[in-house]
Amino acid sequence: MTNALNVLPPHLYPHGTAIISTLQQVAGAVGTALLVSIMTTTSRRFMENTLTTIDESPLQILAMIAGMKNSFLLAFGLVAIAWFATFFIKRSVPQEKELKLNKGTVN
């Protein structure tokens, strides 16, 4: 967030903060919907592909566990990709500090 706001001039900080907060909320909602969809789809496929004579209740528990496992694996993969991408983010210098550096007033 700091790097994103450092690119903006100070008078646009409130707008940048509002946009970042909104994007975080939307991304959280979309991510939750995606993981629940994957969990549900995996659970349904598990139930369809399992031919058994046992009671359906334990089978539903196993299907839910399989769905959660796939969702968590996807979430872990996305976190790993994001963590790897952080090594390529360049630090930005706030514009006001950059101006002072160019004038030679800040060490």
PDB file of N, CA and C in Angstrom:
ATOM      1  N   MET A   1       0.825  -1.182   0.000  1.00  0.00           N
ATOM      2  CA  MET A   1       0.000   0.000   0.000  1.00  0.00           C
ATOM      3  C   MET A   1       0.871   1.248   0.000  1.00  0.00           C
ATOM      4  N   THR A   2       1.952   1.205   0.747  1.00  0.00           N
ATOM      5  CA  THR A   2       2.818   2.371   0.820  1.00  0.00           C
ATOM      6  C   THR A   2       3.415   2.683  -0.542  1.00  0.00           C
ATOM      7  N   ASN A   3       3.890   1.665  -1.234  1.00  0.00           N
ATOM      8  CA  ASN A   3       4.457   1.898  -2.564  1.00  0.00           C
ATOM      9  C   ASN A   3       3.416   2.462  -3.527  1.00  0.00           C
ATOM     10  N   ALA A   4       2.204   1.980  -3.433  1.00  0.00           N
ATOM     11  CA  ALA A   4       1.151   2.475  -4.321  1.00  0.00           C
ATOM     12  C   ALA A   4       0.838   3.937  -4.025  1.00  0.00           C
ATOM     13  N   LEU A   5       0.794   4.302  -2.750  1.00  0.00           N
ATOM     14  CA  LEU A   5       0.477   5.685  -2.399  1.00  0.00           C
ATOM     15  C   LEU A   5       1.649   6.628  -2.636  1.00  0.00           C
ATOM     16  N   ASN A   6       2.879   6.129  -2.565  1.00  0.00           N
ATOM     17  CA  ASN A   6       4.042   6.988  -2.796  1.00  0.00           C
ATOM     18  C   ASN A   6       4.091   7.526  -4.218  1.00  0.00           C
ATOM     19  N   VAL A   7       3.468   6.850  -5.146  1.00  0.00           N
ATOM     20  CA  VAL A   7       3.456   7.287  -6.541  1.00  0.00           C
ATOM     21  C   VAL A   7       2.549   8.504  -6.707  1.00  0.00           C
ATOM     22  N   LEU A   8       1.551   8.624  -5.836  1.00  0.00           N
ATOM     23  CA  LEU A   8       0.574   9.704  -5.957  1.00  0.00           C
ATOM     24  C   LEU A   8       1.077  10.997  -5.330  1.00  0.00           C
ATOM     25  N   PRO A   9       0.622  12.133  -5.860  1.00  0.00           N
ATOM     26  CA  PRO A   9       0.903  13.399  -5.176  1.00  0.00           C
ATOM     27  C   PRO A   9       0.091  13.460  -3.876  1.00  0.00           C
ATOM     28  N   PRO A  10       0.563  14.177  -2.877  1.00  0.00           N
ATOM     29  CA  PRO A  10      -0.099  14.180  -1.557  1.00  0.00           C
ATOM     30  C   PRO A  10      -1.589  14.540  -1.592  1.00  0.00           C
ATOM     31  N   HIS A  11      -2.013  15.410  -2.496  1.00  0.00           N
ATOM     32  CA  HIS A  11      -3.426  15.796  -2.508  1.00  0.00           C
ATOM     33  C   HIS A  11      -4.330  14.663  -3.006  1.00  0.00           C
ATOM     34  N   LEU A  12      -3.762  13.598  -3.580  1.00  0.00           N
ATOM     35  CA  LEU A  12      -4.554  12.457  -4.045  1.00  0.00           C
ATOM     36  C   LEU A  12      -4.495  11.256  -3.090  1.00  0.00           C
ATOM     37  N   TYR A  13      -3.819  11.393  -1.944  1.00  0.00           N
ATOM     38  CA  TYR A  13      -3.724  10.291  -0.989  1.00  0.00           C
ATOM     39  C   TYR A  13      -5.095   9.772  -0.542  1.00  0.00           C
ATOM     40  N   PRO A  14      -6.054  10.639  -0.210  1.00  0.00           N
ATOM     41  CA  PRO A  14      -7.364  10.102   0.210  1.00  0.00           C
ATOM     42  C   PRO A  14      -8.039   9.256  -0.878  1.00  0.00           C
ATOM     43  N   HIS A  15      -7.915   9.702  -2.131  1.00  0.00           N
ATOM     44  CA  HIS A  15      -8.521   8.939  -3.223  1.00  0.00           C
ATOM     45  C   HIS A  15      -7.811   7.597  -3.421  1.00  0.00           C
ATOM     46  N   GLY A  16      -6.487   7.616  -3.328  1.00  0.00           N
ATOM     47  CA  GLY A  16      -5.731   6.376  -3.466  1.00  0.00           C
ATOM     48  C   GLY A  16      -6.062   5.388  -2.359  1.00  0.00           C
ATOM     49  N   THR A  17      -6.188   5.885  -1.138  1.00  0.00           N
ATOM     50  CA  THR A  17      -6.545   5.023  -0.012  1.00  0.00           C
ATOM     51  C   THR A  17      -7.939   4.425  -0.206  1.00  0.00           C
ATOM     52  N   ALA A  18      -8.874   5.224  -0.684  1.00  0.00           N
ATOM     53  CA  ALA A  18     -10.230   4.724  -0.923  1.00  0.00           C
ATOM     54  C   ALA A  18     -10.237   3.649  -1.998  1.00  0.00           C
ATOM     55  N   ILE A  19      -9.482   3.859  -3.060  1.00  0.00           N
ATOM     56  CA  ILE A  19      -9.432   2.868  -4.140  1.00  0.00           C
ATOM     57  C   ILE A  19      -8.799   1.569  -3.655  1.00  0.00           C
ATOM     58  N   ILE A  20      -7.702   1.670  -2.912  1.00  0.00           N
ATOM     59  CA  ILE A  20      -7.033   0.468  -2.404  1.00  0.00           C
ATOM     60  C   ILE A  20      -7.956  -0.304  -1.460  1.00  0.00           C
ATOM     61  N   SER A  21      -8.650   0.407  -0.570  1.00  0.00           N
ATOM     62  CA  SER A  21      -9.570  -0.257   0.365  1.00  0.00           C
ATOM     63  C   SER A  21     -10.700  -0.954  -0.381  1.00  0.00           C
ATOM     64  N   THR A  22     -11.229  -0.283  -1.400  1.00  0.00           N
ATOM     65  CA  THR A  22     -12.303  -0.889  -2.186  1.00  0.00           C
ATOM     66  C   THR A  22     -11.812  -2.133  -2.911  1.00  0.00           C
ATOM     67  N   LEU A  23     -10.640  -2.045  -3.509  1.00  0.00           N
ATOM     68  CA  LEU A  23     -10.085  -3.206  -4.209  1.00  0.00           C
ATOM     69  C   LEU A  23      -9.831  -4.366  -3.257  1.00  0.00           C
ATOM     70  N   GLN A  24      -9.387  -4.085  -2.038  1.00  0.00           N
ATOM     71  CA  GLN A  24      -9.180  -5.155  -1.060  1.00  0.00           C
ATOM     72  C   GLN A  24     -10.496  -5.848  -0.722  1.00  0.00           C
ATOM     73  N   GLN A  25     -11.552  -5.076  -0.530  1.00  0.00           N
ATOM     74  CA  GLN A  25     -12.852  -5.659  -0.205  1.00  0.00           C
ATOM     75  C   GLN A  25     -13.393  -6.496  -1.356  1.00  0.00           C
ATOM     76  N   VAL A  26     -13.290  -5.975  -2.563  1.00  0.00           N
ATOM     77  CA  VAL A  26     -13.792  -6.710  -3.731  1.00  0.00           C
ATOM     78  C   VAL A  26     -12.974  -7.981  -3.956  1.00  0.00           C
ATOM     79  N   ALA A  27     -11.651  -7.874  -3.847  1.00  0.00           N
ATOM     80  CA  ALA A  27     -10.789  -9.049  -4.040  1.00  0.00           C
ATOM     81  C   ALA A  27     -11.076 -10.111  -2.978  1.00  0.00           C
ATOM     82  N   GLY A  28     -11.338  -9.695  -1.752  1.00  0.00           N
ATOM     83  CA  GLY A  28     -11.679 -10.650  -0.700  1.00  0.00           C
ATOM     84  C   GLY A  28     -12.983 -11.378  -0.990  1.00  0.00           C
ATOM     85  N   ALA A  29     -13.964 -10.630  -1.473  1.00  0.00           N
ATOM     86  CA  ALA A  29     -15.259 -11.248  -1.801  1.00  0.00           C
ATOM     87  C   ALA A  29     -15.130 -12.201  -2.987  1.00  0.00           C
ATOM     88  N   VAL A  30     -14.399 -11.782  -4.016  1.00  0.00           N
ATOM     89  CA  VAL A  30     -14.212 -12.641  -5.199  1.00  0.00           C
ATOM     90  C   VAL A  30     -13.404 -13.879  -4.823  1.00  0.00           C
ATOM     91  N   GLY A  31     -12.372 -13.706  -4.014  1.00  0.00           N
ATOM     92  CA  GLY A  31     -11.563 -14.847  -3.592  1.00  0.00           C
ATOM     93  C   GLY A  31     -12.362 -15.852  -2.780  1.00  0.00           C
ATOM     94  N   THR A  32     -13.192 -15.348  -1.878  1.00  0.00           N
ATOM     95  CA  THR A  32     -14.044 -16.238  -1.080  1.00  0.00           C
ATOM     96  C   THR A  32     -15.015 -16.995  -1.973  1.00  0.00           C
ATOM     97  N   ALA A  33     -15.632 -16.292  -2.912  1.00  0.00           N
ATOM     98  CA  ALA A  33     -16.573 -16.949  -3.824  1.00  0.00           C
ATOM     99  C   ALA A  33     -15.865 -18.011  -4.662  1.00  0.00           C
ATOM    100  N   LEU A  34     -14.669 -17.711  -5.128  1.00  0.00           N
ATOM    101  CA  LEU A  34     -13.906 -18.672  -5.926  1.00  0.00           C
ATOM    102  C   LEU A  34     -13.580 -19.923  -5.122  1.00  0.00           C
ATOM    103  N   LEU A  35     -13.088 -19.746  -3.902  1.00  0.00           N
ATOM    104  CA  LEU A  35     -12.714 -20.907  -3.092  1.00  0.00           C
ATOM    105  C   LEU A  35     -13.929 -21.740  -2.693  1.00  0.00           C
ATOM    106  N   VAL A  36     -15.049 -21.101  -2.391  1.00  0.00           N
ATOM    107  CA  VAL A  36     -16.263 -21.848  -2.057  1.00  0.00           C
ATOM    108  C   VAL A  36     -16.771 -22.597  -3.283  1.00  0.00           C
ATOM    109  N   SER A  37     -16.682 -21.983  -4.452  1.00  0.00           N
ATOM    110  CA  SER A  37     -17.102 -22.666  -5.688  1.00  0.00           C
ATOM    111  C   SER A  37     -16.256 -23.906  -5.947  1.00  0.00           C
ATOM    112  N   ILE A  38     -14.950 -23.788  -5.756  1.00  0.00           N
ATOM    113  CA  ILE A  38     -14.063 -24.933  -5.960  1.00  0.00           C
ATOM    114  C   ILE A  38     -14.361 -26.017  -4.932  1.00  0.00           C
ATOM    115  N   MET A  39     -14.585 -25.620  -3.691  1.00  0.00           N
ATOM    116  CA  MET A  39     -14.902 -26.598  -2.654  1.00  0.00           C
ATOM    117  C   MET A  39     -16.200 -27.336  -2.988  1.00  0.00           C
ATOM    118  N   THR A  40     -17.211 -26.607  -3.410  1.00  0.00           N
ATOM    119  CA  THR A  40     -18.499 -27.216  -3.734  1.00  0.00           C
ATOM    120  C   THR A  40     -18.395 -28.145  -4.936  1.00  0.00           C
ATOM    121  N   THR A  41     -17.698 -27.692  -5.975  1.00  0.00           N
ATOM    122  CA  THR A  41     -17.545 -28.511  -7.180  1.00  0.00           C
ATOM    123  C   THR A  41     -16.784 -29.796  -6.878  1.00  0.00           C
ATOM    124  N   THR A  42     -15.703 -29.675  -6.120  1.00  0.00           N
ATOM    125  CA  THR A  42     -14.915 -30.859  -5.778  1.00  0.00           C
ATOM    126  C   THR A  42     -15.726 -31.823  -4.927  1.00  0.00           C
ATOM    127  N   SER A  43     -16.481 -31.297  -3.976  1.00  0.00           N
ATOM    128  CA  SER A  43     -17.311 -32.160  -3.124  1.00  0.00           C
ATOM    129  C   SER A  43     -18.364 -32.892  -3.949  1.00  0.00           C
ATOM    130  N   ARG A  44     -18.994 -32.176  -4.874  1.00  0.00           N
ATOM    131  CA  ARG A  44     -20.025 -32.791  -5.723  1.00  0.00           C
ATOM    132  C   ARG A  44     -19.418 -33.891  -6.585  1.00  0.00           C
ATOM    133  N   ARG A  45     -18.257 -33.609  -7.194  1.00  0.00           N
ATOM    134  CA  ARG A  45     -17.602 -34.628  -8.028  1.00  0.00           C
ATOM    135  C   ARG A  45     -17.186 -35.841  -7.210  1.00  0.00           C
ATOM    136  N   PHE A  46     -16.733 -35.605  -5.990  1.00  0.00           N
ATOM    137  CA  PHE A  46     -16.347 -36.707  -5.110  1.00  0.00           C
ATOM    138  C   PHE A  46     -17.542 -37.611  -4.840  1.00  0.00           C
ATOM    139  N   MET A  47     -18.685 -36.988  -4.566  1.00  0.00           N
ATOM    140  CA  MET A  47     -19.900 -37.769  -4.297  1.00  0.00           C
ATOM    141  C   MET A  47     -20.350 -38.539  -5.537  1.00  0.00           C
ATOM    142  N   GLU A  48     -20.244 -37.914  -6.703  1.00  0.00           N
ATOM    143  CA  GLU A  48     -20.676 -38.570  -7.940  1.00  0.00           C
ATOM    144  C   GLU A  48     -19.760 -39.730  -8.327  1.00  0.00           C
ATOM    145  N   ASN A  49     -18.475 -39.588  -8.078  1.00  0.00           N
ATOM    146  CA  ASN A  49     -17.499 -40.584  -8.519  1.00  0.00           C
ATOM    147  C   ASN A  49     -17.273 -41.699  -7.512  1.00  0.00           C
ATOM    148  N   THR A  50     -17.856 -41.602  -6.355  1.00  0.00           N
ATOM    149  CA  THR A  50     -17.653 -42.615  -5.328  1.00  0.00           C
ATOM    150  C   THR A  50     -18.845 -43.569  -5.315  1.00  0.00           C
ATOM    151  N   LEU A  51     -18.575 -44.792  -5.664  1.00  0.00           N
ATOM    152  CA  LEU A  51     -19.603 -45.838  -5.609  1.00  0.00           C
ATOM    153  C   LEU A  51     -19.353 -46.648  -4.343  1.00  0.00           C
ATOM    154  N   THR A  52     -20.268 -46.553  -3.429  1.00  0.00           N
ATOM    155  CA  THR A  52     -20.075 -47.258  -2.173  1.00  0.00           C
ATOM    156  C   THR A  52     -21.427 -47.669  -1.591  1.00  0.00           C
ATOM    157  N   THR A  53     -21.366 -48.605  -0.701  1.00  0.00           N
ATOM    158  CA  THR A  53     -22.590 -49.076  -0.042  1.00  0.00           C
ATOM    159  C   THR A  53     -22.692 -48.528   1.374  1.00  0.00           C
ATOM    160  N   ILE A  54     -21.720 -47.707   1.777  1.00  0.00           N
ATOM    161  CA  ILE A  54     -21.759 -47.175   3.142  1.00  0.00           C
ATOM    162  C   ILE A  54     -22.805 -46.065   3.235  1.00  0.00           C
ATOM    163  N   ASP A  55     -23.094 -45.708   4.472  1.00  0.00           N
ATOM    164  CA  ASP A  55     -24.059 -44.641   4.738  1.00  0.00           C
ATOM    165  C   ASP A  55     -23.594 -43.338   4.087  1.00  0.00           C
ATOM    166  N   GLU A  56     -24.534 -42.518   3.654  1.00  0.00           N
ATOM    167  CA  GLU A  56     -24.201 -41.302   2.915  1.00  0.00           C
ATOM    168  C   GLU A  56     -23.582 -40.223   3.801  1.00  0.00           C
ATOM    169  N   SER A  57     -23.857 -40.221   5.084  1.00  0.00           N
ATOM    170  CA  SER A  57     -23.362 -39.181   5.979  1.00  0.00           C
ATOM    171  C   SER A  57     -21.826 -39.143   6.046  1.00  0.00           C
ATOM    172  N   PRO A  58     -21.143 -40.286   6.292  1.00  0.00           N
ATOM    173  CA  PRO A  58     -19.675 -40.237   6.283  1.00  0.00           C
ATOM    174  C   PRO A  58     -19.119 -39.872   4.907  1.00  0.00           C
ATOM    175  N   LEU A  59     -19.828 -40.269   3.861  1.00  0.00           N
ATOM    176  CA  LEU A  59     -19.383 -39.942   2.511  1.00  0.00           C
ATOM    177  C   LEU A  59     -19.445 -38.433   2.270  1.00  0.00           C
ATOM    178  N   GLN A  60     -20.457 -37.780   2.803  1.00  0.00           N
ATOM    179  CA  GLN A  60     -20.556 -36.329   2.669  1.00  0.00           C
ATOM    180  C   GLN A  60     -19.431 -35.631   3.410  1.00  0.00           C
ATOM    181  N   ILE A  61     -19.059 -36.159   4.555  1.00  0.00           N
ATOM    182  CA  ILE A  61     -17.945 -35.573   5.312  1.00  0.00           C
ATOM    183  C   ILE A  61     -16.653 -35.713   4.515  1.00  0.00           C
ATOM    184  N   LEU A  62     -16.418 -36.896   3.952  1.00  0.00           N
ATOM    185  CA  LEU A  62     -15.214 -37.100   3.143  1.00  0.00           C
ATOM    186  C   LEU A  62     -15.211 -36.205   1.902  1.00  0.00           C
ATOM    187  N   ALA A  63     -16.380 -36.010   1.302  1.00  0.00           N
ATOM    188  CA  ALA A  63     -16.488 -35.143   0.126  1.00  0.00           C
ATOM    189  C   ALA A  63     -16.166 -33.699   0.500  1.00  0.00           C
ATOM    190  N   MET A  64     -16.660 -33.254   1.650  1.00  0.00           N
ATOM    191  CA  MET A  64     -16.384 -31.893   2.100  1.00  0.00           C
ATOM    192  C   MET A  64     -14.900 -31.710   2.394  1.00  0.00           C
ATOM    193  N   ILE A  65     -14.281 -32.709   2.990  1.00  0.00           N
ATOM    194  CA  ILE A  65     -12.845 -32.639   3.268  1.00  0.00           C
ATOM    195  C   ILE A  65     -12.055 -32.547   1.971  1.00  0.00           C
ATOM    196  N   ALA A  66     -12.444 -33.324   0.971  1.00  0.00           N
ATOM    197  CA  ALA A  66     -11.760 -33.267  -0.324  1.00  0.00           C
ATOM    198  C   ALA A  66     -11.921 -31.891  -0.961  1.00  0.00           C
ATOM    199  N   GLY A  67     -13.103 -31.310  -0.840  1.00  0.00           N
ATOM    200  CA  GLY A  67     -13.337 -29.974  -1.383  1.00  0.00           C
ATOM    201  C   GLY A  67     -12.503 -28.918  -0.684  1.00  0.00           C
ATOM    202  N   MET A  68     -12.442 -28.996   0.632  1.00  0.00           N
ATOM    203  CA  MET A  68     -11.636 -28.040   1.402  1.00  0.00           C
ATOM    204  C   MET A  68     -10.161 -28.183   1.068  1.00  0.00           C
ATOM    205  N   LYS A  69      -9.716 -29.421   0.898  1.00  0.00           N
ATOM    206  CA  LYS A  69      -8.313 -29.661   0.557  1.00  0.00           C
ATOM    207  C   LYS A  69      -7.957 -28.967  -0.763  1.00  0.00           C
ATOM    208  N   ASN A  70      -8.804 -29.114  -1.766  1.00  0.00           N
ATOM    209  CA  ASN A  70      -8.526 -28.473  -3.052  1.00  0.00           C
ATOM    210  C   ASN A  70      -8.563 -26.955  -2.948  1.00  0.00           C
ATOM    211  N   SER A  71      -9.492 -26.424  -2.173  1.00  0.00           N
ATOM    212  CA  SER A  71      -9.568 -24.974  -1.995  1.00  0.00           C
ATOM    213  C   SER A  71      -8.326 -24.434  -1.309  1.00  0.00           C
ATOM    214  N   PHE A  72      -7.885 -25.110  -0.258  1.00  0.00           N
ATOM    215  CA  PHE A  72      -6.692 -24.657   0.447  1.00  0.00           C
ATOM    216  C   PHE A  72      -5.437 -24.799  -0.414  1.00  0.00           C
ATOM    217  N   LEU A  73      -5.379 -25.834  -1.230  1.00  0.00           N
ATOM    218  CA  LEU A  73      -4.234 -25.974  -2.132  1.00  0.00           C
ATOM    219  C   LEU A  73      -4.188 -24.832  -3.147  1.00  0.00           C
ATOM    220  N   LEU A  74      -5.340 -24.453  -3.675  1.00  0.00           N
ATOM    221  CA  LEU A  74      -5.384 -23.318  -4.595  1.00  0.00           C
ATOM    222  C   LEU A  74      -4.984 -22.034  -3.883  1.00  0.00           C
ATOM    223  N   ALA A  75      -5.515 -21.810  -2.684  1.00  0.00           N
ATOM    224  CA  ALA A  75      -5.169 -20.609  -1.922  1.00  0.00           C
ATOM    225  C   ALA A  75      -3.672 -20.569  -1.638  1.00  0.00           C
ATOM    226  N   PHE A  76      -3.100 -21.705  -1.265  1.00  0.00           N
ATOM    227  CA  PHE A  76      -1.659 -21.764  -1.021  1.00  0.00           C
ATOM    228  C   PHE A  76      -0.876 -21.435  -2.282  1.00  0.00           C
ATOM    229  N   GLY A  77      -1.315 -21.958  -3.430  1.00  0.00           N
ATOM    230  CA  GLY A  77      -0.644 -21.662  -4.691  1.00  0.00           C
ATOM    231  C   GLY A  77      -0.698 -20.184  -5.029  1.00  0.00           C
ATOM    232  N   LEU A  78      -1.841 -19.554  -4.807  1.00  0.00           N
ATOM    233  CA  LEU A  78      -1.966 -18.122  -5.078  1.00  0.00           C
ATOM    234  C   LEU A  78      -1.089 -17.297  -4.142  1.00  0.00           C
ATOM    235  N   VAL A  79      -1.019 -17.698  -2.881  1.00  0.00           N
ATOM    236  CA  VAL A  79      -0.152 -17.001  -1.925  1.00  0.00           C
ATOM    237  C   VAL A  79       1.311 -17.167  -2.321  1.00  0.00           C
ATOM    238  N   ALA A  80       1.698 -18.358  -2.749  1.00  0.00           N
ATOM    239  CA  ALA A  80       3.082 -18.594  -3.174  1.00  0.00           C
ATOM    240  C   ALA A  80       3.443 -17.725  -4.385  1.00  0.00           C
ATOM    241  N   ILE A  81       2.516 -17.618  -5.335  1.00  0.00           N
ATOM    242  CA  ILE A  81       2.760 -16.767  -6.510  1.00  0.00           C
ATOM    243  C   ILE A  81       2.880 -15.308  -6.090  1.00  0.00           C
ATOM    244  N   ALA A  82       1.998 -14.852  -5.208  1.00  0.00           N
ATOM    245  CA  ALA A  82       2.046 -13.460  -4.745  1.00  0.00           C
ATOM    246  C   ALA A  82       3.334 -13.188  -3.979  1.00  0.00           C
ATOM    247  N   TRP A  83       3.749 -14.137  -3.145  1.00  0.00           N
ATOM    248  CA  TRP A  83       4.995 -13.969  -2.384  1.00  0.00           C
ATOM    249  C   TRP A  83       6.181 -13.870  -3.329  1.00  0.00           C
ATOM    250  N   PHE A  84       6.211 -14.709  -4.346  1.00  0.00           N
ATOM    251  CA  PHE A  84       7.297 -14.672  -5.321  1.00  0.00           C
ATOM    252  C   PHE A  84       7.290 -13.347  -6.082  1.00  0.00           C
ATOM    253  N   ALA A  85       6.110 -12.840  -6.393  1.00  0.00           N
ATOM    254  CA  ALA A  85       6.006 -11.576  -7.142  1.00  0.00           C
ATOM    255  C   ALA A  85       6.499 -10.387  -6.325  1.00  0.00           C
ATOM    256  N   THR A  86       6.456 -10.486  -5.000  1.00  0.00           N
ATOM    257  CA  THR A  86       6.900  -9.360  -4.176  1.00  0.00           C
ATOM    258  C   THR A  86       8.379  -9.062  -4.352  1.00  0.00           C
ATOM    259  N   PHE A  87       9.146 -10.023  -4.793  1.00  0.00           N
ATOM    260  CA  PHE A  87      10.574  -9.776  -4.986  1.00  0.00           C
ATOM    261  C   PHE A  87      10.849  -8.889  -6.202  1.00  0.00           C
ATOM    262  N   PHE A  88       9.848  -8.678  -7.030  1.00  0.00           N
ATOM    263  CA  PHE A  88      10.028  -7.872  -8.232  1.00  0.00           C
ATOM    264  C   PHE A  88       9.384  -6.491  -8.130  1.00  0.00           C
ATOM    265  N   ILE A  89       8.846  -6.159  -6.969  1.00  0.00           N
ATOM    266  CA  ILE A  89       8.241  -4.843  -6.767  1.00  0.00           C
ATOM    267  C   ILE A  89       9.354  -3.862  -6.418  1.00  0.00           C
ATOM    268  N   LYS A  90       9.388  -2.768  -7.135  1.00  0.00           N
ATOM    269  CA  LYS A  90      10.392  -1.745  -6.865  1.00  0.00           C
ATOM    270  C   LYS A  90       9.838  -0.764  -5.847  1.00  0.00           C
ATOM    271  N   ARG A  91      10.707  -0.352  -4.935  1.00  0.00           N
ATOM    272  CA  ARG A  91      10.308   0.646  -3.942  1.00  0.00           C
ATOM    273  C   ARG A  91      10.194   1.996  -4.624  1.00  0.00           C
ATOM    274  N   SER A  92       9.133   2.689  -4.313  1.00  0.00           N
ATOM    275  CA  SER A  92       8.964   4.021  -4.877  1.00  0.00           C
ATOM    276  C   SER A  92       9.275   5.060  -3.811  1.00  0.00           C
ATOM    277  N   VAL A  93       9.759   6.193  -4.262  1.00  0.00           N
ATOM    278  CA  VAL A  93      10.093   7.298  -3.375  1.00  0.00           C
ATOM    279  C   VAL A  93       8.945   8.296  -3.455  1.00  0.00           C
ATOM    280  N   PRO A  94       8.468   8.799  -2.310  1.00  0.00           N
ATOM    281  CA  PRO A  94       7.399   9.787  -2.367  1.00  0.00           C
ATOM    282  C   PRO A  94       7.820  10.983  -3.216  1.00  0.00           C
ATOM    283  N   GLN A  95       6.882  11.564  -3.948  1.00  0.00           N
ATOM    284  CA  GLN A  95       7.206  12.655  -4.862  1.00  0.00           C
ATOM    285  C   GLN A  95       7.808  13.843  -4.139  1.00  0.00           C
ATOM    286  N   GLU A  96       7.305  14.181  -2.960  1.00  0.00           N
ATOM    287  CA  GLU A  96       7.840  15.343  -2.251  1.00  0.00           C
ATOM    288  C   GLU A  96       9.289  15.105  -1.822  1.00  0.00           C
ATOM    289  N   LYS A  97       9.619  13.879  -1.418  1.00  0.00           N
ATOM    290  CA  LYS A  97      10.989  13.563  -1.030  1.00  0.00           C
ATOM    291  C   LYS A  97      11.890  13.542  -2.262  1.00  0.00           C
ATOM    292  N   GLU A  98      11.346  13.052  -3.386  1.00  0.00           N
ATOM    293  CA  GLU A  98      12.114  13.022  -4.628  1.00  0.00           C
ATOM    294  C   GLU A  98      12.468  14.432  -5.075  1.00  0.00           C
ATOM    295  N   LEU A  99      11.532  15.364  -4.930  1.00  0.00           N
ATOM    296  CA  LEU A  99      11.803  16.752  -5.292  1.00  0.00           C
ATOM    297  C   LEU A  99      12.895  17.337  -4.407  1.00  0.00           C
ATOM    298  N   LYS A 100      12.849  17.033  -3.103  1.00  0.00           N
ATOM    299  CA  LYS A 100      13.877  17.521  -2.183  1.00  0.00           C
ATOM    300  C   LYS A 100      15.235  16.903  -2.505  1.00  0.00           C
ATOM    301  N   LEU A 101      15.231  15.618  -2.897  1.00  0.00           N
ATOM    302  CA  LEU A 101      16.489  14.969  -3.260  1.00  0.00           C
ATOM    303  C   LEU A 101      17.095  15.617  -4.493  1.00  0.00           C
ATOM    304  N   ASN A 102      16.251  15.967  -5.463  1.00  0.00           N
ATOM    305  CA  ASN A 102      16.744  16.615  -6.667  1.00  0.00           C
ATOM    306  C   ASN A 102      17.303  17.997  -6.399  1.00  0.00           C
ATOM    307  N   LYS A 103      16.742  18.690  -5.393  1.00  0.00           N
ATOM    308  CA  LYS A 103      17.233  20.026  -5.034  1.00  0.00           C
ATOM    309  C   LYS A 103      18.432  19.940  -4.108  1.00  0.00           C
ATOM    310  N   GLY A 104      18.669  18.767  -3.520  1.00  0.00           N
ATOM    311  CA  GLY A 104      19.819  18.572  -2.646  1.00  0.00           C
ATOM    312  C   GLY A 104      19.582  19.010  -1.217  1.00  0.00           C
ATOM    313  N   THR A 105      18.319  19.118  -0.771  1.00  0.00           N
ATOM    314  CA  THR A 105      18.037  19.563   0.577  1.00  0.00           C
ATOM    315  C   THR A 105      17.889  18.413   1.570  1.00  0.00           C
ATOM    316  N   VAL A 106      17.701  17.189   1.082  1.00  0.00           N
ATOM    317  CA  VAL A 106      17.549  16.028   1.972  1.00  0.00           C
ATOM    318  C   VAL A 106      18.728  15.100   1.755  1.00  0.00           C
ATOM    319  N   ASN A 107      19.227  14.550   2.861  1.00  0.00           N
ATOM    320  CA  ASN A 107      20.363  13.621   2.767  1.00  0.00           C
ATOM    321  C   ASN A 107      19.912  12.267   2.332  1.00  0.00           C
TER     322      ASN A 107
END
